[in-house]
Amino acid sequence: MSHAKRELVSSHLRYLRQELREMDLGIKDDGLFPEPGEIRGIMAQLEALLELVEGNTRIQSNSEAA
């Protein structure tokens, strides 16, 4: 994976990790569950991150087959 993509993935993971920590603290401390929109947003970001990583994997596997 190129350095730029690696940094992009790391950045996304740091952001998602922070968001999930905040949700977890909200549940533990206040007993309040996150809004459904917040959860859908996190899920969409995780799917985009997966596509970025899998897209890179597919390109590598195609070049390895050649």
Protein backbone atom coordinates (compact mmCIF):
# COMPACT_ATOMS: atom_id res chain seq x y z
CA MET A 1 0.00 0.00 0.00
CA SER A 2 1.37 3.41 -0.88
CA HIS A 3 2.44 5.75 1.89
CA ALA A 4 -0.36 8.21 1.10
CA LYS A 5 -3.05 5.53 1.28
CA ARG A 6 -1.54 4.13 4.46
CA GLU A 7 -1.76 7.59 6.03
CA LEU A 8 -5.34 8.01 4.81
CA VAL A 9 -6.35 4.66 6.30
CA SER A 10 -4.60 5.50 9.59
CA SER A 11 -6.36 8.84 9.74
CA HIS A 12 -9.76 7.25 9.14
CA LEU A 13 -9.11 4.60 11.77
CA ARG A 14 -8.06 7.20 14.35
CA TYR A 15 -11.22 9.21 13.71
CA LEU A 16 -13.49 6.17 13.88
CA ARG A 17 -11.77 4.95 17.04
CA GLN A 18 -12.36 8.31 18.72
CA GLU A 19 -16.01 8.38 17.67
CA LEU A 20 -16.57 4.86 19.00
CA ARG A 21 -14.83 5.73 22.28
CA GLU A 22 -17.14 8.72 22.73
CA MET A 23 -20.19 6.55 22.05
CA ASP A 24 -18.96 3.94 24.52
CA LEU A 25 -18.36 6.55 27.22
CA GLY A 26 -21.83 7.97 26.63
CA ILE A 27 -23.36 4.56 27.12
CA LYS A 28 -21.29 3.73 30.22
CA ASP A 29 -21.50 7.11 31.95
CA ASP A 30 -24.94 8.40 31.03
CA GLY A 31 -26.72 5.26 29.88
CA LEU A 32 -27.59 7.10 26.67
CA PHE A 33 -27.41 5.26 23.41
CA PRO A 34 -26.20 7.10 20.28
CA GLU A 35 -28.66 8.38 17.74
CA PRO A 36 -29.35 5.98 14.86
CA GLY A 37 -27.91 8.53 12.44
CA GLU A 38 -24.61 8.52 14.31
CA ILE A 39 -24.38 4.76 14.06
CA ARG A 40 -25.29 4.81 10.37
CA GLY A 41 -22.58 7.44 9.79
CA ILE A 42 -19.94 5.31 11.48
CA MET A 43 -21.06 2.26 9.50
CA ALA A 44 -20.85 4.20 6.23
CA GLN A 45 -17.34 5.37 7.09
CA LEU A 46 -16.29 1.82 7.93
CA GLU A 47 -17.67 0.60 4.60
CA ALA A 48 -15.80 3.34 2.73
CA LEU A 49 -12.61 2.40 4.54
CA LEU A 50 -13.13 -1.27 3.69
CA GLU A 51 -13.65 -0.40 0.02
CA LEU A 52 -10.44 1.63 0.04
CA VAL A 53 -8.48 -1.26 1.53
CA GLU A 54 -10.12 -3.95 -0.61
CA GLY A 55 -9.73 -1.86 -3.73
CA ASN A 56 -6.01 -1.72 -3.10
CA THR A 57 -5.93 -5.48 -2.44
CA ARG A 58 -7.77 -6.21 -5.68
CA ILE A 59 -5.27 -4.11 -7.65
CA GLN A 60 -2.35 -5.94 -6.06
CA SER A 61 -3.86 -9.38 -6.68
CA ASN A 62 -4.52 -8.51 -10.33
CA SER A 63 -0.94 -7.33 -10.84
CA GLU A 64 0.39 -10.46 -9.10
CA ALA A 65 -1.61 -12.66 -11.48
CA ALA A 66 0.09 -11.07 -14.50
